[in-house]
């Protein structure tokens, strides 16, 4: 049975981190002391659930966590620092601190080091999340012990609900664009001015014109969707934002 460390101090560990061309040793005191920290741990960088769901949602909700008093969000995995650095770049996870527990020392101290030899992974961390106040574990969400890679309780939304059930989550905004499109640039600038983060799907790189037509019924860019609702192009977006601003005034 996985160990629940609520009410206990986290292990005292030093992590070997690569920054640019230099090695740096980072201690748990530097990461946790005097801070309110959310940590989520997962089996491995670049793995499917970790890359498609676990990490992206924490990065997306990071500003909301900050509003709830969280100083830092840590992603921890039993991988080396080179892998973790490349994963951060690939995911564009600018709000997350990536911690390489390469030897599994922290995971073992947390009682979360498990064998994944059947997958050729060796020893890895079990998937979990926790809220840590000044080095002491306040709350843990540990995935159930069953076959496969369960992902039921360590997600960002569960942690945010624990912190503040009334927290307002950011709207989900998607922009279909294409290179060299002036109207796309105008739409993105309007979203940025409104403080709205967005996912950009670039035609020719991330999707095709057929994909755009299938999703939006249109062949022009940009096409903007907010919380699953089609807004339309740049003109429609500006009208939508103006209306929202008037309603909030």
Protein backbone atom coordinates (compact mmCIF):
# COMPACT_ATOMS: atom_id res chain seq x y z
CA UNK A 1 0.00 0.00 0.00
CA UNK A 2 1.31 3.45 -0.91
CA UNK A 3 2.47 5.58 2.01
CA UNK A 4 0.40 8.63 2.94
CA UNK A 5 2.69 11.32 4.38
CA UNK A 6 0.06 13.84 5.45
CA UNK A 7 1.21 15.69 8.56
CA UNK A 8 4.85 14.70 8.02
CA UNK A 9 7.86 16.52 6.61
CA UNK A 10 9.05 15.77 3.11
CA UNK A 11 12.42 13.98 2.68
CA UNK A 12 15.56 16.11 2.76
CA UNK A 13 17.03 15.61 -0.71
CA UNK A 14 19.46 17.35 -3.06
CA UNK A 15 18.66 17.22 -6.79
CA UNK A 16 21.25 17.49 -9.56
CA UNK A 17 19.92 19.96 -12.13
CA UNK A 18 21.42 21.11 -15.40
CA UNK A 19 20.98 24.80 -16.21
CA UNK A 20 22.48 25.73 -19.56
CA UNK A 21 26.03 24.34 -19.55
CA UNK A 22 26.31 24.17 -15.78
CA UNK A 23 25.39 21.71 -13.07
CA UNK A 24 23.49 23.02 -10.07
CA UNK A 25 22.48 21.33 -6.84
CA UNK A 26 18.99 22.22 -5.67
CA UNK A 27 17.83 21.25 -2.19
CA UNK A 28 14.34 20.58 -0.93
CA UNK A 29 14.78 23.56 1.41
CA UNK A 30 15.20 25.83 -1.62
CA UNK A 31 12.07 24.41 -3.21
CA UNK A 32 9.78 24.16 -0.18
CA UNK A 33 10.99 26.12 2.85
CA UNK A 34 8.67 29.01 3.72
CA UNK A 35 6.52 28.33 0.67
CA UNK A 36 3.17 26.85 -0.23
CA UNK A 37 3.91 24.28 -2.92
CA UNK A 38 1.86 21.94 -5.05
CA UNK A 39 3.83 18.94 -6.29
CA UNK A 40 2.61 16.34 -8.73
CA UNK A 41 4.67 13.25 -9.45
CA UNK A 42 4.33 10.93 -12.41
CA UNK A 43 5.91 7.82 -13.94
CA UNK A 44 7.88 9.46 -16.73
CA UNK A 45 8.53 12.39 -19.02
CA UNK A 46 7.12 12.16 -22.54
CA UNK A 47 4.75 9.33 -21.57
CA UNK A 48 1.15 9.55 -22.89
CA UNK A 49 -1.00 10.49 -19.89
CA UNK A 50 1.72 12.67 -18.40
CA UNK A 51 2.13 14.67 -21.62
CA UNK A 52 -1.48 14.86 -22.76
CA UNK A 53 -3.29 15.47 -19.47
CA UNK A 54 -1.39 15.59 -16.19
CA UNK A 55 1.25 18.24 -16.92
CA UNK A 56 -0.68 20.49 -19.36
CA UNK A 57 -3.60 21.06 -17.02
CA UNK A 58 -1.35 22.06 -14.11
CA UNK A 59 0.41 24.53 -16.41
CA UNK A 60 -2.94 25.86 -17.65
CA UNK A 61 -4.28 26.38 -14.13
CA UNK A 62 -1.02 27.75 -12.69
CA UNK A 63 -2.24 31.39 -12.59
CA UNK A 64 -5.35 30.26 -10.73
CA UNK A 65 -3.24 28.30 -8.24
CA UNK A 66 -1.18 31.45 -7.70
CA UNK A 67 -4.35 33.40 -6.94
CA UNK A 68 -5.10 30.73 -4.32
CA UNK A 69 -1.79 31.38 -2.56
CA UNK A 70 0.41 28.71 -4.15
CA UNK A 71 4.01 29.90 -4.56
CA UNK A 72 5.29 27.10 -6.77
CA UNK A 73 4.09 24.09 -8.76
CA UNK A 74 6.56 21.23 -9.09
CA UNK A 75 6.53 18.37 -11.56
CA UNK A 76 8.66 15.50 -10.29
CA UNK A 77 9.68 12.35 -12.11
CA UNK A 78 12.38 9.71 -11.83
CA UNK A 79 14.16 10.97 -14.94
CA UNK A 80 17.47 12.73 -15.45
CA UNK A 81 17.69 16.50 -15.76
CA UNK A 82 18.39 16.45 -19.52
CA UNK A 83 15.14 14.57 -20.18
CA UNK A 84 13.15 16.83 -17.88
CA UNK A 85 14.58 19.99 -19.48
CA UNK A 86 13.69 18.78 -22.97
CA UNK A 87 10.19 17.78 -21.82
CA UNK A 88 9.60 21.24 -20.36
CA UNK A 89 10.60 22.85 -23.66
CA UNK A 90 8.45 20.44 -25.66
CA UNK A 91 5.42 21.10 -23.45
CA UNK A 92 5.98 24.87 -23.22
CA UNK A 93 5.24 24.51 -19.51
CA UNK A 94 6.59 27.88 -18.45
CA UNK A 95 4.77 27.99 -15.11
CA UNK A 96 6.05 24.66 -13.79
CA UNK A 97 9.28 23.85 -11.92
CA UNK A 98 10.64 20.54 -13.23
CA UNK A 99 12.52 18.45 -10.69
CA UNK A 100 14.58 15.42 -11.82
CA UNK A 101 14.55 12.74 -9.14
CA UNK A 102 17.03 10.74 -11.19
CA UNK A 103 18.05 8.31 -8.47
CA UNK A 104 14.54 8.01 -7.04
CA UNK A 105 15.76 9.28 -3.65
CA UNK A 106 12.86 11.65 -3.04
CA UNK A 107 10.28 9.17 -4.34
CA UNK A 108 11.69 6.45 -2.09
CA UNK A 109 11.60 8.79 0.90
CA UNK A 110 7.97 9.55 0.15
CA UNK A 111 7.16 5.84 -0.01
CA UNK A 112 6.20 6.26 -3.66
CA UNK A 113 9.00 4.43 -5.50
CA UNK A 114 7.60 1.46 -7.42
CA UNK A 115 8.95 -1.12 -9.85
CA UNK A 116 8.08 -0.65 -13.52
CA UNK A 117 10.47 -3.32 -14.75
CA UNK A 118 7.69 -4.96 -16.76
CA UNK A 119 7.73 -1.87 -19.00
CA UNK A 120 11.50 -1.54 -19.04
CA UNK A 121 11.32 1.58 -16.88
CA UNK A 122 13.08 0.24 -13.79
CA UNK A 123 12.11 2.09 -10.61
CA UNK A 124 9.72 5.02 -11.04
CA UNK A 125 7.42 7.22 -8.97
CA UNK A 126 3.82 6.27 -8.42
CA UNK A 127 1.45 8.95 -9.67
CA UNK A 128 0.29 11.33 -6.93
CA UNK A 129 -0.06 15.00 -6.01
CA UNK A 130 0.37 16.82 -2.73
CA UNK A 131 0.08 20.22 -1.10
CA UNK A 132 3.14 21.10 0.99
CA UNK A 133 3.28 23.99 3.46
CA UNK A 134 6.79 24.98 4.56
CA UNK A 135 8.08 21.44 4.02
CA UNK A 136 5.17 19.68 5.73
CA UNK A 137 2.64 17.65 3.74
CA UNK A 138 -0.86 19.01 4.22
CA UNK A 139 -2.74 16.89 1.69
CA UNK A 140 -1.98 13.99 -0.66
CA UNK A 141 -3.98 12.61 -3.56
CA UNK A 142 -2.57 9.16 -4.31
CA UNK A 143 -3.74 7.19 -7.31
CA UNK A 144 -5.41 3.86 -6.50
CA UNK A 145 -3.21 0.79 -6.57
CA UNK A 146 -4.40 -1.13 -9.58
CA UNK A 147 -3.06 -2.37 -12.89
CA UNK A 148 -1.89 0.08 -15.50
CA UNK A 149 -1.39 3.76 -14.89
CA UNK A 150 -4.47 5.09 -13.05
CA UNK A 151 -5.12 8.81 -13.32
CA UNK A 152 -8.16 9.60 -11.20
CA UNK A 153 -7.29 11.89 -8.27
CA UNK A 154 -3.88 13.54 -8.77
CA UNK A 155 -5.10 15.91 -11.49
CA UNK A 156 -4.92 19.69 -11.27
CA UNK A 157 -8.68 20.20 -10.96
CA UNK A 158 -8.93 17.92 -7.92
CA UNK A 159 -6.11 19.78 -6.19
CA UNK A 160 -7.61 23.17 -7.06
CA UNK A 161 -11.00 22.10 -5.69
CA UNK A 162 -9.31 21.12 -2.43
CA UNK A 163 -7.59 24.51 -2.22
CA UNK A 164 -10.59 26.59 -3.21
CA UNK A 165 -13.83 25.03 -4.48
CA UNK A 166 -14.98 28.46 -5.65
CA UNK A 167 -11.83 29.25 -7.65
CA UNK A 168 -12.62 30.63 -11.08
CA UNK A 169 -10.92 28.60 -13.77
CA UNK A 170 -9.69 30.18 -17.00
CA UNK A 171 -11.78 29.77 -20.12
CA UNK A 172 -10.57 27.21 -22.65
CA UNK A 173 -9.59 29.17 -25.77
CA UNK A 174 -8.43 27.64 -29.05
CA UNK A 175 -7.25 29.63 -32.06
CA UNK A 176 -6.95 28.05 -35.51
CA UNK A 177 -4.42 30.15 -37.41
CA UNK A 178 -2.02 30.05 -40.34
CA UNK A 179 1.41 31.63 -40.90
CA UNK A 180 1.39 35.17 -42.25
CA UNK A 181 -2.26 35.78 -41.39
CA UNK A 182 -2.77 39.38 -40.26
CA UNK A 183 -6.24 38.73 -38.87
CA UNK A 184 -4.79 35.85 -36.82
CA UNK A 185 -2.21 38.21 -35.33
CA UNK A 186 -4.98 40.69 -34.51
CA UNK A 187 -7.07 38.00 -32.80
CA UNK A 188 -4.15 36.76 -30.73
CA UNK A 189 -3.26 40.31 -29.70
CA UNK A 190 -6.86 40.90 -28.60
CA UNK A 191 -6.83 37.75 -26.49
CA UNK A 192 -3.52 38.70 -24.91
CA UNK A 193 -4.77 42.20 -24.14
CA UNK A 194 -7.81 40.63 -22.46
CA UNK A 195 -5.52 38.42 -20.38
CA UNK A 196 -6.86 35.24 -21.95
CA UNK A 197 -4.45 32.38 -22.54
CA UNK A 198 -5.04 30.29 -25.63
CA UNK A 199 -3.99 27.16 -27.47
CA UNK A 200 -2.92 27.84 -31.05
CA UNK A 201 -3.44 25.25 -33.77
CA UNK A 202 -1.42 26.24 -36.81
CA UNK A 203 -2.59 25.02 -40.21
CA UNK A 204 0.12 23.18 -42.04
CA UNK A 205 1.88 22.24 -38.80
CA UNK A 206 -0.72 21.07 -36.29
CA UNK A 207 -3.73 20.58 -38.54
CA UNK A 208 -4.95 20.72 -42.14
CA UNK A 209 -7.55 22.82 -43.91
CA UNK A 210 -9.77 19.74 -43.85
CA UNK A 211 -9.49 19.69 -40.04
CA UNK A 212 -10.46 23.36 -39.87
CA UNK A 213 -13.49 22.81 -42.09
CA UNK A 214 -14.56 19.71 -40.14
CA UNK A 215 -14.40 21.52 -36.81
CA UNK A 216 -15.57 25.02 -37.71
CA UNK A 217 -17.36 24.68 -41.02
CA UNK A 218 -15.18 27.50 -42.33
CA UNK A 219 -12.16 27.80 -44.58
CA UNK A 220 -10.85 31.16 -43.33
CA UNK A 221 -8.53 31.94 -40.45
CA UNK A 222 -8.55 32.67 -37.66
CA UNK A 223 -11.31 30.57 -36.17
CA UNK A 224 -11.66 31.00 -32.41
CA UNK A 225 -13.44 28.72 -29.97
CA UNK A 226 -14.09 29.58 -26.31
CA UNK A 227 -15.27 26.87 -23.92
CA UNK A 228 -16.35 24.75 -26.88
CA UNK A 229 -18.37 27.53 -28.52
CA UNK A 230 -17.40 28.83 -31.94
CA UNK A 231 -16.80 32.60 -31.82
CA UNK A 232 -15.59 32.99 -35.39
CA UNK A 233 -12.90 35.26 -36.79
CA UNK A 234 -11.08 38.33 -35.49
CA UNK A 235 -14.06 40.68 -35.96
CA UNK A 236 -16.39 38.34 -34.08
CA UNK A 237 -13.81 37.89 -31.33
CA UNK A 238 -13.43 41.62 -30.82
CA UNK A 239 -17.21 41.99 -30.62
CA UNK A 240 -17.37 39.10 -28.12
CA UNK A 241 -14.67 40.64 -25.92
CA UNK A 242 -16.32 44.06 -26.05
CA UNK A 243 -19.64 42.54 -25.01
CA UNK A 244 -18.03 40.62 -22.16
CA UNK A 245 -16.29 43.77 -20.96
CA UNK A 246 -19.56 45.73 -20.99
CA UNK A 247 -21.37 42.99 -19.11
CA UNK A 248 -18.67 42.97 -16.43
CA UNK A 249 -18.72 46.78 -16.00
